[in-house]
Full PDB file with SEQRES, HELIX, SHEET, SSBOND, CRYST1, ORIGX, SCALE, CONECT and MASTER records, all heavy atoms in Angstrom:
SEQRES   1 A   31  ARG GLY LEU VAL ALA SER VAL ARG ASP LEU GLU ASP SER          
SEQRES   2 A   31  VAL ALA ALA ALA THR GLY ASP GLY LEU GLU GLY LEU VAL          
SEQRES   3 A   31  LEU ARG TYR GLY PHE                                          
HELIX    1 AA1 GLY A    2  ALA A   17  1                                  16    
CRYST1    1.000    1.000    1.000  90.00  90.00  90.00 P 1           1          
ORIGX1      1.000000  0.000000  0.000000        0.00000                         
ORIGX2      0.000000  1.000000  0.000000        0.00000                         
ORIGX3      0.000000  0.000000  1.000000        0.00000                         
SCALE1      1.000000  0.000000  0.000000        0.00000                         
SCALE2      0.000000  1.000000  0.000000        0.00000                         
SCALE3      0.000000  0.000000  1.000000        0.00000                         
ATOM      1  N   ARG A   1      20.357  -8.525   8.223  1.00  0.00           N  
ATOM      2  CA  ARG A   1      20.151  -8.635   6.771  1.00  0.00           C  
ATOM      3  C   ARG A   1      19.542  -9.968   6.360  1.00  0.00           C  
ATOM      4  O   ARG A   1      18.668 -10.014   5.485  1.00  0.00           O  
ATOM      5  CB  ARG A   1      21.490  -8.430   6.059  1.00  0.00           C  
ATOM      6  CG  ARG A   1      21.374  -8.118   4.578  1.00  0.00           C  
ATOM      7  CD  ARG A   1      22.744  -7.839   4.018  1.00  0.00           C  
ATOM      8  NE  ARG A   1      23.392  -6.739   4.728  1.00  0.00           N  
ATOM      9  CZ  ARG A   1      24.704  -6.530   4.758  1.00  0.00           C  
ATOM     10  NH1 ARG A   1      25.519  -7.369   4.125  1.00  0.00           N  
ATOM     11  NH2 ARG A   1      25.208  -5.503   5.422  1.00  0.00           N  
ATOM     12  N   GLY A   2      19.962 -11.052   6.984  1.00  0.00           N  
ATOM     13  CA  GLY A   2      19.431 -12.358   6.614  1.00  0.00           C  
ATOM     14  C   GLY A   2      17.944 -12.470   6.894  1.00  0.00           C  
ATOM     15  O   GLY A   2      17.187 -13.050   6.099  1.00  0.00           O  
ATOM     16  N   LEU A   3      17.512 -11.907   8.020  1.00  0.00           N  
ATOM     17  CA  LEU A   3      16.085 -11.901   8.359  1.00  0.00           C  
ATOM     18  C   LEU A   3      15.285 -11.178   7.287  1.00  0.00           C  
ATOM     19  O   LEU A   3      14.264 -11.679   6.806  1.00  0.00           O  
ATOM     20  CB  LEU A   3      15.892 -11.212   9.712  1.00  0.00           C  
ATOM     21  CG  LEU A   3      14.456 -10.871  10.118  1.00  0.00           C  
ATOM     22  CD1 LEU A   3      13.694 -12.140  10.467  1.00  0.00           C  
ATOM     23  CD2 LEU A   3      14.454  -9.903  11.300  1.00  0.00           C  
ATOM     24  N   VAL A   4      15.759  -9.998   6.896  1.00  0.00           N  
ATOM     25  CA  VAL A   4      15.031  -9.206   5.907  1.00  0.00           C  
ATOM     26  C   VAL A   4      15.032  -9.900   4.549  1.00  0.00           C  
ATOM     27  O   VAL A   4      14.014  -9.927   3.848  1.00  0.00           O  
ATOM     28  CB  VAL A   4      15.635  -7.792   5.805  1.00  0.00           C  
ATOM     29  CG1 VAL A   4      14.840  -6.948   4.805  1.00  0.00           C  
ATOM     30  CG2 VAL A   4      15.658  -7.108   7.162  1.00  0.00           C  
ATOM     31  N   ALA A   5      16.171 -10.478   4.185  1.00  0.00           N  
ATOM     32  CA  ALA A   5      16.245 -11.172   2.896  1.00  0.00           C  
ATOM     33  C   ALA A   5      15.286 -12.351   2.847  1.00  0.00           C  
ATOM     34  O   ALA A   5      14.675 -12.625   1.799  1.00  0.00           O  
ATOM     35  CB  ALA A   5      17.672 -11.640   2.643  1.00  0.00           C  
ATOM     36  N   SER A   6      15.117 -13.053   3.965  1.00  0.00           N  
ATOM     37  CA  SER A   6      14.180 -14.185   3.966  1.00  0.00           C  
ATOM     38  C   SER A   6      12.746 -13.716   3.794  1.00  0.00           C  
ATOM     39  O   SER A   6      11.938 -14.396   3.146  1.00  0.00           O  
ATOM     40  CB  SER A   6      14.329 -15.000   5.250  1.00  0.00           C  
ATOM     41  OG  SER A   6      13.797 -14.336   6.385  1.00  0.00           O  
ATOM     42  N   VAL A   7      12.423 -12.553   4.350  1.00  0.00           N  
ATOM     43  CA  VAL A   7      11.091 -11.978   4.153  1.00  0.00           C  
ATOM     44  C   VAL A   7      10.892 -11.600   2.688  1.00  0.00           C  
ATOM     45  O   VAL A   7       9.844 -11.869   2.092  1.00  0.00           O  
ATOM     46  CB  VAL A   7      10.876 -10.769   5.078  1.00  0.00           C  
ATOM     47  CG1 VAL A   7       9.609 -10.008   4.700  1.00  0.00           C  
ATOM     48  CG2 VAL A   7      10.801 -11.221   6.530  1.00  0.00           C  
ATOM     49  N   ARG A   8      11.907 -10.985   2.099  1.00  0.00           N  
ATOM     50  CA  ARG A   8      11.812 -10.650   0.662  1.00  0.00           C  
ATOM     51  C   ARG A   8      11.578 -11.904  -0.169  1.00  0.00           C  
ATOM     52  O   ARG A   8      10.697 -11.917  -1.053  1.00  0.00           O  
ATOM     53  CB  ARG A   8      13.102  -9.974   0.212  1.00  0.00           C  
ATOM     54  CG  ARG A   8      13.153  -9.691  -1.304  1.00  0.00           C  
ATOM     55  CD  ARG A   8      14.575  -9.567  -1.801  1.00  0.00           C  
ATOM     56  NE  ARG A   8      15.355 -10.772  -1.508  1.00  0.00           N  
ATOM     57  CZ  ARG A   8      16.688 -10.822  -1.532  1.00  0.00           C  
ATOM     58  NH1 ARG A   8      17.386  -9.749  -1.824  1.00  0.00           N  
ATOM     59  NH2 ARG A   8      17.312 -11.968  -1.263  1.00  0.00           N  
ATOM     60  N   ASP A   9      12.335 -12.954   0.101  1.00  0.00           N  
ATOM     61  CA  ASP A   9      12.194 -14.186  -0.682  1.00  0.00           C  
ATOM     62  C   ASP A   9      10.795 -14.783  -0.519  1.00  0.00           C  
ATOM     63  O   ASP A   9      10.172 -15.230  -1.494  1.00  0.00           O  
ATOM     64  CB  ASP A   9      13.253 -15.199  -0.264  1.00  0.00           C  
ATOM     65  CG  ASP A   9      14.660 -14.761  -0.625  1.00  0.00           C  
ATOM     66  OD1 ASP A   9      14.797 -13.819  -1.438  1.00  0.00           O  
ATOM     67  OD2 ASP A   9      15.623 -15.336  -0.084  1.00  0.00           O  
ATOM     68  N   LEU A  10      10.306 -14.807   0.710  1.00  0.00           N  
ATOM     69  CA  LEU A  10       8.952 -15.321   0.965  1.00  0.00           C  
ATOM     70  C   LEU A  10       7.920 -14.514   0.183  1.00  0.00           C  
ATOM     71  O   LEU A  10       7.061 -15.088  -0.508  1.00  0.00           O  
ATOM     72  CB  LEU A  10       8.670 -15.245   2.466  1.00  0.00           C  
ATOM     73  CG  LEU A  10       7.287 -15.596   3.015  1.00  0.00           C  
ATOM     74  CD1 LEU A  10       7.410 -15.985   4.481  1.00  0.00           C  
ATOM     75  CD2 LEU A  10       6.285 -14.442   2.903  1.00  0.00           C  
ATOM     76  N   GLU A  11       8.004 -13.198   0.302  1.00  0.00           N  
ATOM     77  CA  GLU A  11       6.992 -12.358  -0.331  1.00  0.00           C  
ATOM     78  C   GLU A  11       7.100 -12.395  -1.849  1.00  0.00           C  
ATOM     79  O   GLU A  11       6.081 -12.347  -2.555  1.00  0.00           O  
ATOM     80  CB  GLU A  11       7.081 -10.940   0.228  1.00  0.00           C  
ATOM     81  CG  GLU A  11       6.765 -10.907   1.731  1.00  0.00           C  
ATOM     82  CD  GLU A  11       6.699  -9.521   2.326  1.00  0.00           C  
ATOM     83  OE1 GLU A  11       6.969  -8.540   1.598  1.00  0.00           O  
ATOM     84  OE2 GLU A  11       6.374  -9.416   3.527  1.00  0.00           O  
ATOM     85  N   ASP A  12       8.321 -12.527  -2.370  1.00  0.00           N  
ATOM     86  CA  ASP A  12       8.478 -12.694  -3.816  1.00  0.00           C  
ATOM     87  C   ASP A  12       7.841 -14.003  -4.279  1.00  0.00           C  
ATOM     88  O   ASP A  12       7.237 -14.065  -5.362  1.00  0.00           O  
ATOM     89  CB  ASP A  12       9.962 -12.685  -4.196  1.00  0.00           C  
ATOM     90  CG  ASP A  12      10.574 -11.289  -4.165  1.00  0.00           C  
ATOM     91  OD1 ASP A  12       9.821 -10.306  -4.020  1.00  0.00           O  
ATOM     92  OD2 ASP A  12      11.806 -11.196  -4.282  1.00  0.00           O  
ATOM     93  N   SER A  13       7.969 -15.050  -3.472  1.00  0.00           N  
ATOM     94  CA  SER A  13       7.369 -16.336  -3.835  1.00  0.00           C  
ATOM     95  C   SER A  13       5.857 -16.240  -3.914  1.00  0.00           C  
ATOM     96  O   SER A  13       5.231 -16.790  -4.829  1.00  0.00           O  
ATOM     97  CB  SER A  13       7.768 -17.413  -2.820  1.00  0.00           C  
ATOM     98  OG  SER A  13       9.143 -17.689  -2.876  1.00  0.00           O  
ATOM     99  N   VAL A  14       5.267 -15.523  -2.958  1.00  0.00           N  
ATOM    100  CA  VAL A  14       3.812 -15.374  -2.961  1.00  0.00           C  
ATOM    101  C   VAL A  14       3.365 -14.558  -4.168  1.00  0.00           C  
ATOM    102  O   VAL A  14       2.385 -14.905  -4.849  1.00  0.00           O  
ATOM    103  CB  VAL A  14       3.324 -14.731  -1.650  1.00  0.00           C  
ATOM    104  CG1 VAL A  14       1.821 -14.481  -1.705  1.00  0.00           C  
ATOM    105  CG2 VAL A  14       3.669 -15.628  -0.457  1.00  0.00           C  
ATOM    106  N   ALA A  15       4.078 -13.479  -4.464  1.00  0.00           N  
ATOM    107  CA  ALA A  15       3.724 -12.659  -5.623  1.00  0.00           C  
ATOM    108  C   ALA A  15       3.839 -13.457  -6.917  1.00  0.00           C  
ATOM    109  O   ALA A  15       2.975 -13.374  -7.799  1.00  0.00           O  
ATOM    110  CB  ALA A  15       4.615 -11.417  -5.678  1.00  0.00           C  
ATOM    111  N   ALA A  16       4.906 -14.261  -7.031  1.00  0.00           N  
ATOM    112  CA  ALA A  16       5.109 -15.053  -8.249  1.00  0.00           C  
ATOM    113  C   ALA A  16       4.051 -16.134  -8.410  1.00  0.00           C  
ATOM    114  O   ALA A  16       3.690 -16.493  -9.536  1.00  0.00           O  
ATOM    115  CB  ALA A  16       6.504 -15.684  -8.232  1.00  0.00           C  
ATOM    116  N   ALA A  17       3.550 -16.644  -7.293  1.00  0.00           N  
ATOM    117  CA  ALA A  17       2.559 -17.726  -7.356  1.00  0.00           C  
ATOM    118  C   ALA A  17       1.145 -17.224  -7.611  1.00  0.00           C  
ATOM    119  O   ALA A  17       0.260 -18.009  -7.965  1.00  0.00           O  
ATOM    120  CB  ALA A  17       2.578 -18.517  -6.048  1.00  0.00           C  
ATOM    121  N   THR A  18       0.932 -15.933  -7.420  1.00  0.00           N  
ATOM    122  CA  THR A  18      -0.412 -15.381  -7.562  1.00  0.00           C  
ATOM    123  C   THR A  18      -0.798 -15.310  -9.035  1.00  0.00           C  
ATOM    124  O   THR A  18      -0.062 -14.764  -9.861  1.00  0.00           O  
ATOM    125  CB  THR A  18      -0.491 -13.986  -6.915  1.00  0.00           C  
ATOM    126  OG1 THR A  18      -0.246 -14.112  -5.509  1.00  0.00           O  
ATOM    127  CG2 THR A  18      -1.855 -13.354  -7.137  1.00  0.00           C  
ATOM    128  N   GLY A  19      -1.943 -15.870  -9.357  1.00  0.00           N  
ATOM    129  CA  GLY A  19      -2.429 -15.914 -10.725  1.00  0.00           C  
ATOM    130  C   GLY A  19      -2.899 -17.306 -11.088  1.00  0.00           C  
ATOM    131  O   GLY A  19      -2.705 -18.259 -10.326  1.00  0.00           O  
ATOM    132  N   ASP A  20      -3.545 -17.415 -12.225  1.00  0.00           N  
ATOM    133  CA  ASP A  20      -4.050 -18.721 -12.683  1.00  0.00           C  
ATOM    134  C   ASP A  20      -4.942 -19.376 -11.630  1.00  0.00           C  
ATOM    135  O   ASP A  20      -4.862 -20.584 -11.385  1.00  0.00           O  
ATOM    136  CB  ASP A  20      -2.899 -19.659 -13.045  1.00  0.00           C  
ATOM    137  CG  ASP A  20      -2.073 -19.148 -14.218  1.00  0.00           C  
ATOM    138  OD1 ASP A  20      -2.646 -18.493 -15.108  1.00  0.00           O  
ATOM    139  OD2 ASP A  20      -0.854 -19.395 -14.233  1.00  0.00           O  
ATOM    140  N   GLY A  21      -5.752 -18.548 -10.976  1.00  0.00           N  
ATOM    141  CA  GLY A  21      -6.722 -19.083 -10.029  1.00  0.00           C  
ATOM    142  C   GLY A  21      -6.281 -19.094  -8.592  1.00  0.00           C  
ATOM    143  O   GLY A  21      -7.089 -19.375  -7.699  1.00  0.00           O  
ATOM    144  N   LEU A  22      -5.008 -18.799  -8.305  1.00  0.00           N  
ATOM    145  CA  LEU A  22      -4.518 -18.782  -6.923  1.00  0.00           C  
ATOM    146  C   LEU A  22      -4.275 -17.342  -6.483  1.00  0.00           C  
ATOM    147  O   LEU A  22      -3.519 -16.606  -7.127  1.00  0.00           O  
ATOM    148  CB  LEU A  22      -3.228 -19.589  -6.787  1.00  0.00           C  
ATOM    149  CG  LEU A  22      -2.681 -19.702  -5.365  1.00  0.00           C  
ATOM    150  CD1 LEU A  22      -3.606 -20.557  -4.499  1.00  0.00           C  
ATOM    151  CD2 LEU A  22      -1.270 -20.290  -5.359  1.00  0.00           C  
ATOM    152  N   GLU A  23      -4.901 -16.946  -5.390  1.00  0.00           N  
ATOM    153  CA  GLU A  23      -4.725 -15.612  -4.816  1.00  0.00           C  
ATOM    154  C   GLU A  23      -3.788 -15.715  -3.619  1.00  0.00           C  
ATOM    155  O   GLU A  23      -4.062 -16.452  -2.673  1.00  0.00           O  
ATOM    156  CB  GLU A  23      -6.066 -15.039  -4.368  1.00  0.00           C  
ATOM    157  CG  GLU A  23      -7.073 -14.894  -5.495  1.00  0.00           C  
ATOM    158  CD  GLU A  23      -8.422 -14.415  -4.994  1.00  0.00           C  
ATOM    159  OE1 GLU A  23      -8.815 -14.799  -3.866  1.00  0.00           O  
ATOM    160  OE2 GLU A  23      -9.087 -13.668  -5.735  1.00  0.00           O  
ATOM    161  N   GLY A  24      -2.687 -14.955  -3.654  1.00  0.00           N  
ATOM    162  CA  GLY A  24      -1.715 -15.000  -2.568  1.00  0.00           C  
ATOM    163  C   GLY A  24      -1.784 -13.763  -1.703  1.00  0.00           C  
ATOM    164  O   GLY A  24      -1.704 -12.633  -2.195  1.00  0.00           O  
ATOM    165  N   LEU A  25      -1.938 -13.958  -0.401  1.00  0.00           N  
ATOM    166  CA  LEU A  25      -1.947 -12.863   0.560  1.00  0.00           C  
ATOM    167  C   LEU A  25      -0.813 -13.065   1.558  1.00  0.00           C  
ATOM    168  O   LEU A  25      -0.628 -14.174   2.092  1.00  0.00           O  
ATOM    169  CB  LEU A  25      -3.267 -12.790   1.335  1.00  0.00           C  
ATOM    170  CG  LEU A  25      -4.470 -12.187   0.616  1.00  0.00           C  
ATOM    171  CD1 LEU A  25      -5.055 -13.187  -0.386  1.00  0.00           C  
ATOM    172  CD2 LEU A  25      -5.536 -11.771   1.620  1.00  0.00           C  
ATOM    173  N   VAL A  26      -0.060 -12.010   1.800  1.00  0.00           N  
ATOM    174  CA  VAL A  26       0.989 -12.007   2.819  1.00  0.00           C  
ATOM    175  C   VAL A  26       0.490 -11.185   3.992  1.00  0.00           C  
ATOM    176  O   VAL A  26       0.090 -10.026   3.833  1.00  0.00           O  
ATOM    177  CB  VAL A  26       2.290 -11.400   2.267  1.00  0.00           C  
ATOM    178  CG1 VAL A  26       3.308 -11.222   3.391  1.00  0.00           C  
ATOM    179  CG2 VAL A  26       2.863 -12.261   1.159  1.00  0.00           C  
ATOM    180  N   LEU A  27       0.496 -11.773   5.172  1.00  0.00           N  
ATOM    181  CA  LEU A  27       0.122 -11.059   6.390  1.00  0.00           C  
ATOM    182  C   LEU A  27       1.393 -10.773   7.178  1.00  0.00           C  
ATOM    183  O   LEU A  27       2.032 -11.685   7.715  1.00  0.00           O  
ATOM    184  CB  LEU A  27      -0.853 -11.890   7.231  1.00  0.00           C  
ATOM    185  CG  LEU A  27      -2.159 -12.291   6.543  1.00  0.00           C  
ATOM    186  CD1 LEU A  27      -3.084 -12.983   7.542  1.00  0.00           C  
ATOM    187  CD2 LEU A  27      -2.856 -11.095   5.900  1.00  0.00           C  
ATOM    188  N   ARG A  28       1.748  -9.498   7.235  1.00  0.00           N  
ATOM    189  CA  ARG A  28       2.929  -9.086   7.995  1.00  0.00           C  
ATOM    190  C   ARG A  28       2.494  -8.771   9.427  1.00  0.00           C  
ATOM    191  O   ARG A  28       2.034  -7.669   9.737  1.00  0.00           O  
ATOM    192  CB  ARG A  28       3.563  -7.841   7.378  1.00  0.00           C  
ATOM    193  CG  ARG A  28       4.312  -8.055   6.092  1.00  0.00           C  
ATOM    194  CD  ARG A  28       4.951  -6.738   5.673  1.00  0.00           C  
ATOM    195  NE  ARG A  28       5.695  -6.842   4.433  1.00  0.00           N  
ATOM    196  CZ  ARG A  28       6.223  -5.798   3.793  1.00  0.00           C  
ATOM    197  NH1 ARG A  28       6.081  -4.572   4.291  1.00  0.00           N  
ATOM    198  NH2 ARG A  28       6.886  -5.974   2.670  1.00  0.00           N  
ATOM    199  N   TYR A  29       2.659  -9.736  10.302  1.00  0.00           N  
ATOM    200  CA  TYR A  29       2.265  -9.540  11.695  1.00  0.00           C  
ATOM    201  C   TYR A  29       3.248  -8.618  12.408  1.00  0.00           C  
ATOM    202  O   TYR A  29       4.457  -8.636  12.144  1.00  0.00           O  
ATOM    203  CB  TYR A  29       2.232 -10.872  12.435  1.00  0.00           C  
ATOM    204  CG  TYR A  29       1.263 -11.890  11.896  1.00  0.00           C  
ATOM    205  CD1 TYR A  29       1.715 -13.129  11.447  1.00  0.00           C  
ATOM    206  CD2 TYR A  29      -0.098 -11.635  11.850  1.00  0.00           C  
ATOM    207  CE1 TYR A  29       0.832 -14.084  10.968  1.00  0.00           C  
ATOM    208  CE2 TYR A  29      -0.986 -12.586  11.363  1.00  0.00           C  
ATOM    209  CZ  TYR A  29      -0.521 -13.806  10.925  1.00  0.00           C  
ATOM    210  OH  TYR A  29      -1.390 -14.744  10.448  1.00  0.00           O  
ATOM    211  N   GLY A  30       2.710  -7.838  13.363  1.00  0.00           N  
ATOM    212  CA  GLY A  30       3.557  -7.105  14.283  1.00  0.00           C  
ATOM    213  C   GLY A  30       4.056  -8.018  15.385  1.00  0.00           C  
ATOM    214  O   GLY A  30       3.987  -9.246  15.293  1.00  0.00           O  
ATOM    215  N   PHE A  31       4.556  -7.430  16.470  1.00  0.00           N  
ATOM    216  CA  PHE A  31       5.058  -8.217  17.595  1.00  0.00           C  
ATOM    217  C   PHE A  31       3.867  -8.803  18.355  1.00  0.00           C  
ATOM    218  O   PHE A  31       3.028  -8.070  18.879  1.00  0.00           O  
ATOM    219  CB  PHE A  31       5.890  -7.340  18.538  1.00  0.00           C  
ATOM    220  CG  PHE A  31       7.179  -6.860  17.940  1.00  0.00           C  
ATOM    221  CD1 PHE A  31       7.289  -5.570  17.435  1.00  0.00           C  
ATOM    222  CD2 PHE A  31       8.287  -7.689  17.877  1.00  0.00           C  
ATOM    223  CE1 PHE A  31       8.484  -5.117  16.890  1.00  0.00           C  
ATOM    224  CE2 PHE A  31       9.482  -7.251  17.326  1.00  0.00           C  
ATOM    225  CZ  PHE A  31       9.592  -5.960  16.826  1.00  0.00           C  
TER     226      PHE A  31                                                      
MASTER        0    0    0    1    0    0    0    6  225    1    0    3          
END                                                                             
């Protein structure tokens, strides 16, 4: 659960930062 929650927090941060001239992309790498 902690691993997944950290991914959610990271991706939420990128989504929240996107706008006002900054484009946020999250790359979910495989193994």
